[in-house]
Amino acid sequence: MALTRDFRETVVARIQKDRAFRRGLLKEGIECLLSGDVDSGKSLLRDYIKATSGFPALAEATGIPVKSLIRMFGAAGNPHAKNLFLVVACLQRAEGIRLQVRPSKAA
């Protein structure tokens, strides 16, 4: 089911005003990628990028062309690890956080 415009606008508004929610979205997107749920991870990161810096500013910060970034995070996108981790590092820096990987027992 496609998300409605009102829902997207509500999410964007919350991302922009609620720092804990915004950081949680970034964290969840990266956790999805690490757990192998690449499609969900890309979707969450795409929403995060759109609601925060936007693709043009991210392109400037990473040196990756805007169109390439948009394709990377699209449904059929298949980002190279180098570019993906460059984007993740840039997003963390912009958010003022550093996420860490810690081992835990599998569920």
C-alpha atoms as a PDB file:
ATOM      1  CA  MET A   1       0.000   0.000   0.000  1.00  0.00           C
ATOM      2  CA  ALA A   2       1.378   3.428  -0.966  1.00  0.00           C
ATOM      3  CA  LEU A   3       1.760   6.058   1.723  1.00  0.00           C
ATOM      4  CA  THR A   4      -0.583   9.008   1.448  1.00  0.00           C
ATOM      5  CA  ARG A   5       0.713  12.519   1.010  1.00  0.00           C
ATOM      6  CA  ASP A   6      -0.685  13.563   4.412  1.00  0.00           C
ATOM      7  CA  PHE A   7       1.177  10.729   6.117  1.00  0.00           C
ATOM      8  CA  ARG A   8       4.451  11.649   4.394  1.00  0.00           C
ATOM      9  CA  GLU A   9       4.014  15.301   5.342  1.00  0.00           C
ATOM     10  CA  THR A  10       3.360  14.298   8.945  1.00  0.00           C
ATOM     11  CA  VAL A  11       6.500  12.151   9.041  1.00  0.00           C
ATOM     12  CA  VAL A  12       8.623  14.885   7.447  1.00  0.00           C
ATOM     13  CA  ALA A  13       7.326  17.432   9.953  1.00  0.00           C
ATOM     14  CA  ARG A  14       8.162  15.121  12.844  1.00  0.00           C
ATOM     15  CA  ILE A  15      11.649  14.412  11.495  1.00  0.00           C
ATOM     16  CA  GLN A  16      12.328  18.124  11.217  1.00  0.00           C
ATOM     17  CA  LYS A  17      11.162  19.053  14.730  1.00  0.00           C
ATOM     18  CA  ASP A  18      11.906  15.946  16.849  1.00  0.00           C
ATOM     19  CA  ARG A  19      15.629  15.250  17.188  1.00  0.00           C
ATOM     20  CA  ALA A  20      15.146  11.925  18.996  1.00  0.00           C
ATOM     21  CA  PHE A  21      12.780  10.699  16.271  1.00  0.00           C
ATOM     22  CA  ARG A  22      15.175  11.872  13.535  1.00  0.00           C
ATOM     23  CA  ARG A  23      18.143  10.143  15.135  1.00  0.00           C
ATOM     24  CA  GLY A  24      16.071   7.018  15.710  1.00  0.00           C
ATOM     25  CA  LEU A  25      15.133   6.935  12.032  1.00  0.00           C
ATOM     26  CA  LEU A  26      18.798   7.189  11.026  1.00  0.00           C
ATOM     27  CA  LYS A  27      19.749   4.453  13.487  1.00  0.00           C
ATOM     28  CA  GLU A  28      16.929   2.161  12.341  1.00  0.00           C
ATOM     29  CA  GLY A  29      17.866   2.647   8.689  1.00  0.00           C
ATOM     30  CA  ILE A  30      21.457   1.656   9.352  1.00  0.00           C
ATOM     31  CA  GLU A  31      20.406  -1.295  11.521  1.00  0.00           C
ATOM     32  CA  CYS A  32      18.183  -2.544   8.690  1.00  0.00           C
ATOM     33  CA  LEU A  33      21.132  -2.403   6.301  1.00  0.00           C
ATOM     34  CA  LEU A  34      23.364  -4.279   8.737  1.00  0.00           C
ATOM     35  CA  SER A  35      20.757  -6.984   9.285  1.00  0.00           C
ATOM     36  CA  GLY A  36      20.369  -7.575   5.547  1.00  0.00           C
ATOM     37  CA  ASP A  37      17.058  -5.764   5.044  1.00  0.00           C
ATOM     38  CA  VAL A  38      18.565  -3.473   2.415  1.00  0.00           C
ATOM     39  CA  ASP A  39      15.275  -2.331   0.883  1.00  0.00           C
ATOM     40  CA  SER A  40      13.890  -1.112   4.219  1.00  0.00           C
ATOM     41  CA  GLY A  41      17.216   0.466   5.143  1.00  0.00           C
ATOM     42  CA  LYS A  42      17.400   2.387   1.865  1.00  0.00           C
ATOM     43  CA  SER A  43      13.785   3.514   2.245  1.00  0.00           C
ATOM     44  CA  LEU A  44      14.334   4.805   5.782  1.00  0.00           C
ATOM     45  CA  LEU A  45      17.539   6.576   4.816  1.00  0.00           C
ATOM     46  CA  ARG A  46      15.861   8.097   1.747  1.00  0.00           C
ATOM     47  CA  ASP A  47      13.093   9.520   3.962  1.00  0.00           C
ATOM     48  CA  TYR A  48      15.687  10.793   6.423  1.00  0.00           C
ATOM     49  CA  ILE A  49      17.713  12.486   3.666  1.00  0.00           C
ATOM     50  CA  LYS A  50      14.654  14.088   2.054  1.00  0.00           C
ATOM     51  CA  ALA A  51      13.480  15.519   5.393  1.00  0.00           C
ATOM     52  CA  THR A  52      16.861  16.794   6.554  1.00  0.00           C
ATOM     53  CA  SER A  53      19.689  17.972   4.312  1.00  0.00           C
ATOM     54  CA  GLY A  54      18.164  16.897   0.998  1.00  0.00           C
ATOM     55  CA  PHE A  55      19.936  15.179  -1.864  1.00  0.00           C
ATOM     56  CA  PRO A  56      21.626  18.302  -3.323  1.00  0.00           C
ATOM     57  CA  ALA A  57      23.377  19.148  -0.034  1.00  0.00           C
ATOM     58  CA  LEU A  58      24.339  15.500   0.474  1.00  0.00           C
ATOM     59  CA  ALA A  59      25.773  15.412  -3.048  1.00  0.00           C
ATOM     60  CA  GLU A  60      27.910  18.430  -2.265  1.00  0.00           C
ATOM     61  CA  ALA A  61      29.111  16.927   1.014  1.00  0.00           C
ATOM     62  CA  THR A  62      29.962  13.516  -0.468  1.00  0.00           C
ATOM     63  CA  GLY A  63      31.032  14.398  -4.002  1.00  0.00           C
ATOM     64  CA  ILE A  64      28.492  11.883  -5.337  1.00  0.00           C
ATOM     65  CA  PRO A  65      26.209  13.327  -8.058  1.00  0.00           C
ATOM     66  CA  VAL A  66      22.613  14.024  -7.004  1.00  0.00           C
ATOM     67  CA  LYS A  67      21.154  11.650  -9.593  1.00  0.00           C
ATOM     68  CA  SER A  68      23.439   8.854  -8.405  1.00  0.00           C
ATOM     69  CA  LEU A  69      22.344   9.389  -4.804  1.00  0.00           C
ATOM     70  CA  ILE A  70      18.682   9.344  -5.780  1.00  0.00           C
ATOM     71  CA  ARG A  71      19.217   6.105  -7.728  1.00  0.00           C
ATOM     72  CA  MET A  72      21.216   4.572  -4.841  1.00  0.00           C
ATOM     73  CA  PHE A  73      18.322   4.987  -2.451  1.00  0.00           C
ATOM     74  CA  GLY A  74      15.580   4.157  -4.965  1.00  0.00           C
ATOM     75  CA  ALA A  75      13.715   0.850  -4.959  1.00  0.00           C
ATOM     76  CA  ALA A  76      15.968  -0.665  -7.647  1.00  0.00           C
ATOM     77  CA  GLY A  77      19.133   1.016  -6.369  1.00  0.00           C
ATOM     78  CA  ASN A  78      22.203  -1.089  -5.661  1.00  0.00           C
ATOM     79  CA  PRO A  79      24.733   1.204  -3.978  1.00  0.00           C
ATOM     80  CA  HIS A  80      28.401   0.332  -3.830  1.00  0.00           C
ATOM     81  CA  ALA A  81      29.598  -0.165  -0.263  1.00  0.00           C
ATOM     82  CA  LYS A  82      32.115   2.680  -0.604  1.00  0.00           C
ATOM     83  CA  ASN A  83      29.395   5.176  -1.530  1.00  0.00           C
ATOM     84  CA  LEU A  84      26.925   3.842   1.015  1.00  0.00           C
ATOM     85  CA  PHE A  85      29.368   4.118   3.898  1.00  0.00           C
ATOM     86  CA  LEU A  86      30.453   7.570   2.729  1.00  0.00           C
ATOM     87  CA  VAL A  87      26.811   8.670   2.891  1.00  0.00           C
ATOM     88  CA  VAL A  88      26.317   7.061   6.317  1.00  0.00           C
ATOM     89  CA  ALA A  89      29.425   8.815   7.656  1.00  0.00           C
ATOM     90  CA  CYS A  90      28.207  12.139   6.270  1.00  0.00           C
ATOM     91  CA  LEU A  91      24.725  11.704   7.763  1.00  0.00           C
ATOM     92  CA  GLN A  92      26.160  10.852  11.168  1.00  0.00           C
ATOM     93  CA  ARG A  93      28.449  13.883  11.039  1.00  0.00           C
ATOM     94  CA  ALA A  94      25.564  16.171  10.061  1.00  0.00           C
ATOM     95  CA  GLU A  95      23.398  14.743  12.852  1.00  0.00           C
ATOM     96  CA  GLY A  96      26.212  15.118  15.389  1.00  0.00           C
ATOM     97  CA  ILE A  97      26.236  11.457  16.369  1.00  0.00           C
ATOM     98  CA  ARG A  98      28.435   8.419  15.879  1.00  0.00           C
ATOM     99  CA  LEU A  99      26.678   5.075  15.775  1.00  0.00           C
ATOM    100  CA  GLN A 100      28.601   2.006  16.909  1.00  0.00           C
ATOM    101  CA  VAL A 101      28.193  -1.681  16.160  1.00  0.00           C
ATOM    102  CA  ARG A 102      28.053  -3.922  19.214  1.00  0.00           C
ATOM    103  CA  PRO A 103      27.645  -7.685  19.254  1.00  0.00           C
ATOM    104  CA  SER A 104      24.503  -9.151  20.747  1.00  0.00           C
ATOM    105  CA  LYS A 105      22.949 -12.591  20.800  1.00  0.00           C
ATOM    106  CA  ALA A 106      20.733 -13.363  17.842  1.00  0.00           C
ATOM    107  CA  ALA A 107      17.007 -13.425  18.539  1.00  0.00           C
END
